[in-house]
Amino acid sequence: FVGWPTRGMAIDPASWKHVEHAGITIEPVT
């Protein structure tokens, strides 16, 4: 087998600082 390192990571969404991104739009997939 060939392996690569990974990391389990976490964050509380309430602590996230939102940033505006000019020219970028994000749309939910339907």
PDB file of all heavy atoms in Angstrom:
ATOM      1  N   PHE A   1       0.836  -1.200   0.000  1.00  0.00           N
ATOM      2  CA  PHE A   1       0.000   0.000   0.000  1.00  0.00           C
ATOM      3  C   PHE A   1       0.874   1.255   0.000  1.00  0.00           C
ATOM      4  O   PHE A   1       1.957   1.274   0.578  1.00  0.00           O
ATOM      5  CB  PHE A   1      -0.897   0.041   1.248  1.00  0.00           C
ATOM      6  CG  PHE A   1      -2.041  -0.932   1.221  1.00  0.00           C
ATOM      7  CD1 PHE A   1      -1.823  -2.308   1.366  1.00  0.00           C
ATOM      8  CD2 PHE A   1      -3.342  -0.484   1.060  1.00  0.00           C
ATOM      9  CE1 PHE A   1      -2.881  -3.202   1.360  1.00  0.00           C
ATOM     10  CE2 PHE A   1      -4.406  -1.378   1.050  1.00  0.00           C
ATOM     11  CZ  PHE A   1      -4.173  -2.733   1.193  1.00  0.00           C
ATOM     12  N   VAL A   2       0.382   2.303  -0.630  1.00  0.00           N
ATOM     13  CA  VAL A   2       1.058   3.603  -0.651  1.00  0.00           C
ATOM     14  C   VAL A   2       0.242   4.570   0.189  1.00  0.00           C
ATOM     15  O   VAL A   2      -0.984   4.683   0.008  1.00  0.00           O
ATOM     16  CB  VAL A   2       1.201   4.135  -2.088  1.00  0.00           C
ATOM     17  CG1 VAL A   2       1.811   5.530  -2.090  1.00  0.00           C
ATOM     18  CG2 VAL A   2       2.044   3.171  -2.930  1.00  0.00           C
ATOM     19  N   GLY A   3       0.908   5.266   1.116  1.00  0.00           N
ATOM     20  CA  GLY A   3       0.167   6.124   2.027  1.00  0.00           C
ATOM     21  C   GLY A   3       0.583   7.576   1.969  1.00  0.00           C
ATOM     22  O   GLY A   3       1.631   7.928   1.429  1.00  0.00           O
ATOM     23  N   TRP A   4      -0.275   8.435   2.513  1.00  0.00           N
ATOM     24  CA  TRP A   4       0.037   9.850   2.653  1.00  0.00           C
ATOM     25  C   TRP A   4      -0.550  10.333   3.981  1.00  0.00           C
ATOM     26  O   TRP A   4      -1.585   9.846   4.434  1.00  0.00           O
ATOM     27  CB  TRP A   4      -0.525  10.652   1.480  1.00  0.00           C
ATOM     28  CG  TRP A   4      -2.000  10.539   1.270  1.00  0.00           C
ATOM     29  CD1 TRP A   4      -2.981  11.328   1.794  1.00  0.00           C
ATOM     30  CD2 TRP A   4      -2.673   9.556   0.469  1.00  0.00           C
ATOM     31  NE1 TRP A   4      -4.210  10.929   1.382  1.00  0.00           N
ATOM     32  CE2 TRP A   4      -4.064   9.841   0.559  1.00  0.00           C
ATOM     33  CE3 TRP A   4      -2.250   8.479  -0.317  1.00  0.00           C
ATOM     34  CZ2 TRP A   4      -5.019   9.070  -0.093  1.00  0.00           C
ATOM     35  CZ3 TRP A   4      -3.212   7.728  -0.963  1.00  0.00           C
ATOM     36  CH2 TRP A   4      -4.570   8.025  -0.855  1.00  0.00           C
ATOM     37  N   PRO A   5       0.118  11.291   4.636  1.00  0.00           N
ATOM     38  CA  PRO A   5      -0.353  11.760   5.939  1.00  0.00           C
ATOM     39  C   PRO A   5      -1.577  12.652   5.826  1.00  0.00           C
ATOM     40  O   PRO A   5      -1.719  13.442   4.882  1.00  0.00           O
ATOM     41  CB  PRO A   5       0.846  12.534   6.495  1.00  0.00           C
ATOM     42  CG  PRO A   5       1.621  12.944   5.293  1.00  0.00           C
ATOM     43  CD  PRO A   5       1.410  11.879   4.258  1.00  0.00           C
ATOM     44  N   THR A   6      -2.466  12.514   6.786  1.00  0.00           N
ATOM     45  CA  THR A   6      -3.670  13.331   6.869  1.00  0.00           C
ATOM     46  C   THR A   6      -3.816  13.828   8.305  1.00  0.00           C
ATOM     47  O   THR A   6      -3.080  13.421   9.207  1.00  0.00           O
ATOM     48  CB  THR A   6      -4.921  12.536   6.458  1.00  0.00           C
ATOM     49  OG1 THR A   6      -5.032  11.390   7.313  1.00  0.00           O
ATOM     50  CG2 THR A   6      -4.837  12.071   5.029  1.00  0.00           C
ATOM     51  N   ARG A   7      -4.784  14.708   8.491  1.00  0.00           N
ATOM     52  CA  ARG A   7      -4.999  15.282   9.817  1.00  0.00           C
ATOM     53  C   ARG A   7      -6.489  15.456  10.070  1.00  0.00           C
ATOM     54  O   ARG A   7      -7.202  15.988   9.226  1.00  0.00           O
ATOM     55  CB  ARG A   7      -4.295  16.638   9.899  1.00  0.00           C
ATOM     56  CG  ARG A   7      -3.882  17.027  11.309  1.00  0.00           C
ATOM     57  CD  ARG A   7      -3.376  18.456  11.390  1.00  0.00           C
ATOM     58  NE  ARG A   7      -2.278  18.782  10.492  1.00  0.00           N
ATOM     59  CZ  ARG A   7      -1.701  19.982  10.484  1.00  0.00           C
ATOM     60  NH1 ARG A   7      -2.115  20.938  11.320  1.00  0.00           N
ATOM     61  NH2 ARG A   7      -0.717  20.237   9.636  1.00  0.00           N
ATOM     62  N   GLY A   8      -6.962  14.991  11.207  1.00  0.00           N
ATOM     63  CA  GLY A   8      -8.326  15.262  11.619  1.00  0.00           C
ATOM     64  C   GLY A   8      -8.383  16.643  12.241  1.00  0.00           C
ATOM     65  O   GLY A   8      -7.595  16.957  13.138  1.00  0.00           O
ATOM     66  N   MET A   9      -9.319  17.492  11.771  1.00  0.00           N
ATOM     67  CA  MET A   9      -9.354  18.888  12.191  1.00  0.00           C
ATOM     68  C   MET A   9     -10.789  19.320  12.484  1.00  0.00           C
ATOM     69  O   MET A   9     -11.744  18.725  11.976  1.00  0.00           O
ATOM     70  CB  MET A   9      -8.727  19.782  11.118  1.00  0.00           C
ATOM     71  CG  MET A   9      -7.337  19.333  10.687  1.00  0.00           C
ATOM     72  SD  MET A   9      -6.526  20.440   9.497  1.00  0.00           S
ATOM     73  CE  MET A   9      -5.940  21.727  10.620  1.00  0.00           C
ATOM     74  N   ALA A  10     -10.931  20.375  13.302  1.00  0.00           N
ATOM     75  CA  ALA A  10     -12.258  20.812  13.713  1.00  0.00           C
ATOM     76  C   ALA A  10     -12.278  22.311  13.966  1.00  0.00           C
ATOM     77  O   ALA A  10     -11.244  22.929  14.252  1.00  0.00           O
ATOM     78  CB  ALA A  10     -12.687  20.078  14.978  1.00  0.00           C
ATOM     79  N   ILE A  11     -13.472  22.885  13.876  1.00  0.00           N
ATOM     80  CA  ILE A  11     -13.675  24.285  14.230  1.00  0.00           C
ATOM     81  C   ILE A  11     -15.132  24.478  14.649  1.00  0.00           C
ATOM     82  O   ILE A  11     -16.022  23.761  14.169  1.00  0.00           O
ATOM     83  CB  ILE A  11     -13.313  25.226  13.060  1.00  0.00           C
ATOM     84  CG1 ILE A  11     -13.153  26.663  13.542  1.00  0.00           C
ATOM     85  CG2 ILE A  11     -14.355  25.141  11.955  1.00  0.00           C
ATOM     86  CD1 ILE A  11     -12.512  27.587  12.514  1.00  0.00           C
ATOM     87  N   ASP A  12     -15.359  25.423  15.548  1.00  0.00           N
ATOM     88  CA  ASP A  12     -16.709  25.847  15.897  1.00  0.00           C
ATOM     89  C   ASP A  12     -17.123  26.893  14.871  1.00  0.00           C
ATOM     90  O   ASP A  12     -16.491  27.948  14.776  1.00  0.00           O
ATOM     91  CB  ASP A  12     -16.723  26.437  17.300  1.00  0.00           C
ATOM     92  CG  ASP A  12     -18.107  26.915  17.724  1.00  0.00           C
ATOM     93  OD1 ASP A  12     -19.024  26.952  16.877  1.00  0.00           O
ATOM     94  OD2 ASP A  12     -18.264  27.272  18.904  1.00  0.00           O
ATOM     95  N   PRO A  13     -18.154  26.647  14.080  1.00  0.00           N
ATOM     96  CA  PRO A  13     -18.550  27.620  13.046  1.00  0.00           C
ATOM     97  C   PRO A  13     -18.834  29.019  13.603  1.00  0.00           C
ATOM     98  O   PRO A  13     -18.666  30.012  12.898  1.00  0.00           O
ATOM     99  CB  PRO A  13     -19.812  27.001  12.439  1.00  0.00           C
ATOM    100  CG  PRO A  13     -19.681  25.541  12.715  1.00  0.00           C
ATOM    101  CD  PRO A  13     -18.989  25.435  14.037  1.00  0.00           C
ATOM    102  N   ALA A  14     -19.250  29.087  14.866  1.00  0.00           N
ATOM    103  CA  ALA A  14     -19.550  30.398  15.453  1.00  0.00           C
ATOM    104  C   ALA A  14     -18.308  31.249  15.622  1.00  0.00           C
ATOM    105  O   ALA A  14     -18.394  32.475  15.726  1.00  0.00           O
ATOM    106  CB  ALA A  14     -20.251  30.215  16.796  1.00  0.00           C
ATOM    107  N   SER A  15     -17.112  30.617  15.646  1.00  0.00           N
ATOM    108  CA  SER A  15     -15.866  31.364  15.825  1.00  0.00           C
ATOM    109  C   SER A  15     -15.275  31.844  14.506  1.00  0.00           C
ATOM    110  O   SER A  15     -14.280  32.576  14.494  1.00  0.00           O
ATOM    111  CB  SER A  15     -14.841  30.481  16.541  1.00  0.00           C
ATOM    112  OG  SER A  15     -14.386  29.428  15.680  1.00  0.00           O
ATOM    113  N   TRP A  16     -15.867  31.428  13.392  1.00  0.00           N
ATOM    114  CA  TRP A  16     -15.325  31.739  12.071  1.00  0.00           C
ATOM    115  C   TRP A  16     -15.578  33.198  11.712  1.00  0.00           C
ATOM    116  O   TRP A  16     -16.658  33.726  11.909  1.00  0.00           O
ATOM    117  CB  TRP A  16     -15.963  30.830  11.034  1.00  0.00           C
ATOM    118  CG  TRP A  16     -15.427  30.991   9.643  1.00  0.00           C
ATOM    119  CD1 TRP A  16     -16.009  31.625   8.605  1.00  0.00           C
ATOM    120  CD2 TRP A  16     -14.187  30.483   9.147  1.00  0.00           C
ATOM    121  NE1 TRP A  16     -15.227  31.545   7.475  1.00  0.00           N
ATOM    122  CE2 TRP A  16     -14.096  30.851   7.781  1.00  0.00           C
ATOM    123  CE3 TRP A  16     -13.148  29.750   9.716  1.00  0.00           C
ATOM    124  CZ2 TRP A  16     -13.004  30.509   6.988  1.00  0.00           C
ATOM    125  CZ3 TRP A  16     -12.064  29.414   8.926  1.00  0.00           C
ATOM    126  CH2 TRP A  16     -11.992  29.789   7.579  1.00  0.00           C
ATOM    127  N   LYS A  17     -14.564  33.843  11.181  1.00  0.00           N
ATOM    128  CA  LYS A  17     -14.676  35.238  10.755  1.00  0.00           C
ATOM    129  C   LYS A  17     -14.923  35.287   9.248  1.00  0.00           C
ATOM    130  O   LYS A  17     -14.057  34.904   8.454  1.00  0.00           O
ATOM    131  CB  LYS A  17     -13.395  36.009  11.112  1.00  0.00           C
ATOM    132  CG  LYS A  17     -13.067  36.024  12.596  1.00  0.00           C
ATOM    133  CD  LYS A  17     -14.152  36.746  13.387  1.00  0.00           C
ATOM    134  CE  LYS A  17     -13.749  36.924  14.846  1.00  0.00           C
ATOM    135  NZ  LYS A  17     -13.716  35.660  15.592  1.00  0.00           N
ATOM    136  N   HIS A  18     -16.093  35.755   8.876  1.00  0.00           N
ATOM    137  CA  HIS A  18     -16.462  35.827   7.470  1.00  0.00           C
ATOM    138  C   HIS A  18     -15.694  36.949   6.763  1.00  0.00           C
ATOM    139  O   HIS A  18     -15.433  38.005   7.331  1.00  0.00           O
ATOM    140  CB  HIS A  18     -17.961  36.081   7.325  1.00  0.00           C
ATOM    141  CG  HIS A  18     -18.428  36.144   5.909  1.00  0.00           C
ATOM    142  ND1 HIS A  18     -18.645  35.014   5.149  1.00  0.00           N
ATOM    143  CD2 HIS A  18     -18.688  37.198   5.099  1.00  0.00           C
ATOM    144  CE1 HIS A  18     -19.038  35.378   3.940  1.00  0.00           C
ATOM    145  NE2 HIS A  18     -19.068  36.697   3.875  1.00  0.00           N
ATOM    146  N   VAL A  19     -15.305  36.707   5.506  1.00  0.00           N
ATOM    147  CA  VAL A  19     -14.583  37.683   4.685  1.00  0.00           C
ATOM    148  C   VAL A  19     -15.322  37.827   3.356  1.00  0.00           C
ATOM    149  O   VAL A  19     -15.763  36.840   2.765  1.00  0.00           O
ATOM    150  CB  VAL A  19     -13.126  37.230   4.439  1.00  0.00           C
ATOM    151  CG1 VAL A  19     -12.422  38.189   3.493  1.00  0.00           C
ATOM    152  CG2 VAL A  19     -12.361  37.113   5.753  1.00  0.00           C
ATOM    153  N   GLU A  20     -15.467  39.049   2.882  1.00  0.00           N
ATOM    154  CA  GLU A  20     -16.086  39.277   1.581  1.00  0.00           C
ATOM    155  C   GLU A  20     -15.084  38.990   0.461  1.00  0.00           C
ATOM    156  O   GLU A  20     -13.894  39.289   0.598  1.00  0.00           O
ATOM    157  CB  GLU A  20     -16.578  40.716   1.468  1.00  0.00           C
ATOM    158  CG  GLU A  20     -17.727  41.042   2.413  1.00  0.00           C
ATOM    159  CD  GLU A  20     -18.981  40.233   2.111  1.00  0.00           C
ATOM    160  OE1 GLU A  20     -19.194  39.897   0.918  1.00  0.00           O
ATOM    161  OE2 GLU A  20     -19.724  39.920   3.060  1.00  0.00           O
ATOM    162  N   HIS A  21     -15.560  38.433  -0.636  1.00  0.00           N
ATOM    163  CA  HIS A  21     -14.689  38.051  -1.746  1.00  0.00           C
ATOM    164  C   HIS A  21     -15.233  38.661  -3.033  1.00  0.00           C
ATOM    165  O   HIS A  21     -16.209  38.171  -3.601  1.00  0.00           O
ATOM    166  CB  HIS A  21     -14.605  36.531  -1.867  1.00  0.00           C
ATOM    167  CG  HIS A  21     -14.139  35.849  -0.617  1.00  0.00           C
ATOM    168  ND1 HIS A  21     -12.813  35.698  -0.321  1.00  0.00           N
ATOM    169  CD2 HIS A  21     -14.833  35.308   0.416  1.00  0.00           C
ATOM    170  CE1 HIS A  21     -12.706  35.070   0.843  1.00  0.00           C
ATOM    171  NE2 HIS A  21     -13.903  34.824   1.307  1.00  0.00           N
ATOM    172  N   ALA A  22     -14.608  39.719  -3.473  1.00  0.00           N
ATOM    173  CA  ALA A  22     -15.069  40.417  -4.670  1.00  0.00           C
ATOM    174  C   ALA A  22     -14.984  39.510  -5.896  1.00  0.00           C
ATOM    175  O   ALA A  22     -13.960  38.854  -6.127  1.00  0.00           O
ATOM    176  CB  ALA A  22     -14.233  41.678  -4.902  1.00  0.00           C
ATOM    177  N   GLY A  23     -16.058  39.463  -6.664  1.00  0.00           N
ATOM    178  CA  GLY A  23     -16.078  38.698  -7.906  1.00  0.00           C
ATOM    179  C   GLY A  23     -16.343  37.228  -7.733  1.00  0.00           C
ATOM    180  O   GLY A  23     -16.458  36.497  -8.730  1.00  0.00           O
ATOM    181  N   ILE A  24     -16.424  36.747  -6.480  1.00  0.00           N
ATOM    182  CA  ILE A  24     -16.660  35.323  -6.228  1.00  0.00           C
ATOM    183  C   ILE A  24     -18.074  35.149  -5.690  1.00  0.00           C
ATOM    184  O   ILE A  24     -18.480  35.826  -4.744  1.00  0.00           O
ATOM    185  CB  ILE A  24     -15.650  34.757  -5.220  1.00  0.00           C
ATOM    186  CG1 ILE A  24     -14.218  34.913  -5.731  1.00  0.00           C
ATOM    187  CG2 ILE A  24     -15.949  33.287  -4.934  1.00  0.00           C
ATOM    188  CD1 ILE A  24     -13.162  34.527  -4.716  1.00  0.00           C
ATOM    189  N   THR A  25     -18.813  34.259  -6.289  1.00  0.00           N
ATOM    190  CA  THR A  25     -20.142  33.912  -5.789  1.00  0.00           C
ATOM    191  C   THR A  25     -20.171  32.423  -5.479  1.00  0.00           C
ATOM    192  O   THR A  25     -19.514  31.618  -6.144  1.00  0.00           O
ATOM    193  CB  THR A  25     -21.242  34.239  -6.806  1.00  0.00           C
ATOM    194  OG1 THR A  25     -20.958  33.556  -8.045  1.00  0.00           O
ATOM    195  CG2 THR A  25     -21.316  35.733  -7.055  1.00  0.00           C
ATOM    196  N   ILE A  26     -20.913  32.061  -4.426  1.00  0.00           N
ATOM    197  CA  ILE A  26     -21.067  30.661  -4.027  1.00  0.00           C
ATOM    198  C   ILE A  26     -22.542  30.323  -4.080  1.00  0.00           C
ATOM    199  O   ILE A  26     -23.366  31.012  -3.476  1.00  0.00           O
ATOM    200  CB  ILE A  26     -20.534  30.417  -2.594  1.00  0.00           C
ATOM    201  CG1 ILE A  26     -19.113  30.957  -2.422  1.00  0.00           C
ATOM    202  CG2 ILE A  26     -20.604  28.923  -2.271  1.00  0.00           C
ATOM    203  CD1 ILE A  26     -18.075  30.263  -3.264  1.00  0.00           C
ATOM    204  N   GLU A  27     -22.877  29.263  -4.803  1.00  0.00           N
ATOM    205  CA  GLU A  27     -24.277  28.883  -4.921  1.00  0.00           C
ATOM    206  C   GLU A  27     -24.469  27.446  -4.460  1.00  0.00           C
ATOM    207  O   GLU A  27     -23.647  26.570  -4.741  1.00  0.00           O
ATOM    208  CB  GLU A  27     -24.768  29.047  -6.358  1.00  0.00           C
ATOM    209  CG  GLU A  27     -23.984  28.265  -7.386  1.00  0.00           C
ATOM    210  CD  GLU A  27     -24.290  28.695  -8.816  1.00  0.00           C
ATOM    211  OE1 GLU A  27     -24.102  29.888  -9.133  1.00  0.00           O
ATOM    212  OE2 GLU A  27     -24.716  27.828  -9.611  1.00  0.00           O
ATOM    213  N   PRO A  28     -25.535  27.187  -3.717  1.00  0.00           N
ATOM    214  CA  PRO A  28     -25.829  25.802  -3.344  1.00  0.00           C
ATOM    215  C   PRO A  28     -26.186  24.990  -4.581  1.00  0.00           C
ATOM    216  O   PRO A  28     -26.763  25.515  -5.535  1.00  0.00           O
ATOM    217  CB  PRO A  28     -27.025  25.937  -2.393  1.00  0.00           C
ATOM    218  CG  PRO A  28     -27.637  27.243  -2.737  1.00  0.00           C
ATOM    219  CD  PRO A  28     -26.526  28.129  -3.200  1.00  0.00           C
ATOM    220  N   VAL A  29     -25.827  23.740  -4.560  1.00  0.00           N
ATOM    221  CA  VAL A  29     -26.089  22.875  -5.709  1.00  0.00           C
ATOM    222  C   VAL A  29     -27.489  22.284  -5.585  1.00  0.00           C
ATOM    223  O   VAL A  29     -27.872  21.734  -4.547  1.00  0.00           O
ATOM    224  CB  VAL A  29     -25.035  21.761  -5.809  1.00  0.00           C
ATOM    225  CG1 VAL A  29     -25.354  20.814  -6.966  1.00  0.00           C
ATOM    226  CG2 VAL A  29     -23.651  22.367  -5.989  1.00  0.00           C
ATOM    227  N   THR A  30     -28.237  22.412  -6.653  1.00  0.00           N
ATOM    228  CA  THR A  30     -29.576  21.836  -6.765  1.00  0.00           C
ATOM    229  C   THR A  30     -29.619  21.017  -8.055  1.00  0.00           C
ATOM    230  O   THR A  30     -28.629  20.964  -8.811  1.00  0.00           O
ATOM    231  CB  THR A  30     -30.643  22.934  -6.820  1.00  0.00           C
ATOM    232  OG1 THR A  30     -30.456  23.694  -8.023  1.00  0.00           O
ATOM    233  CG2 THR A  30     -30.537  23.865  -5.610  1.00  0.00           C
TER     234      THR A  30
END
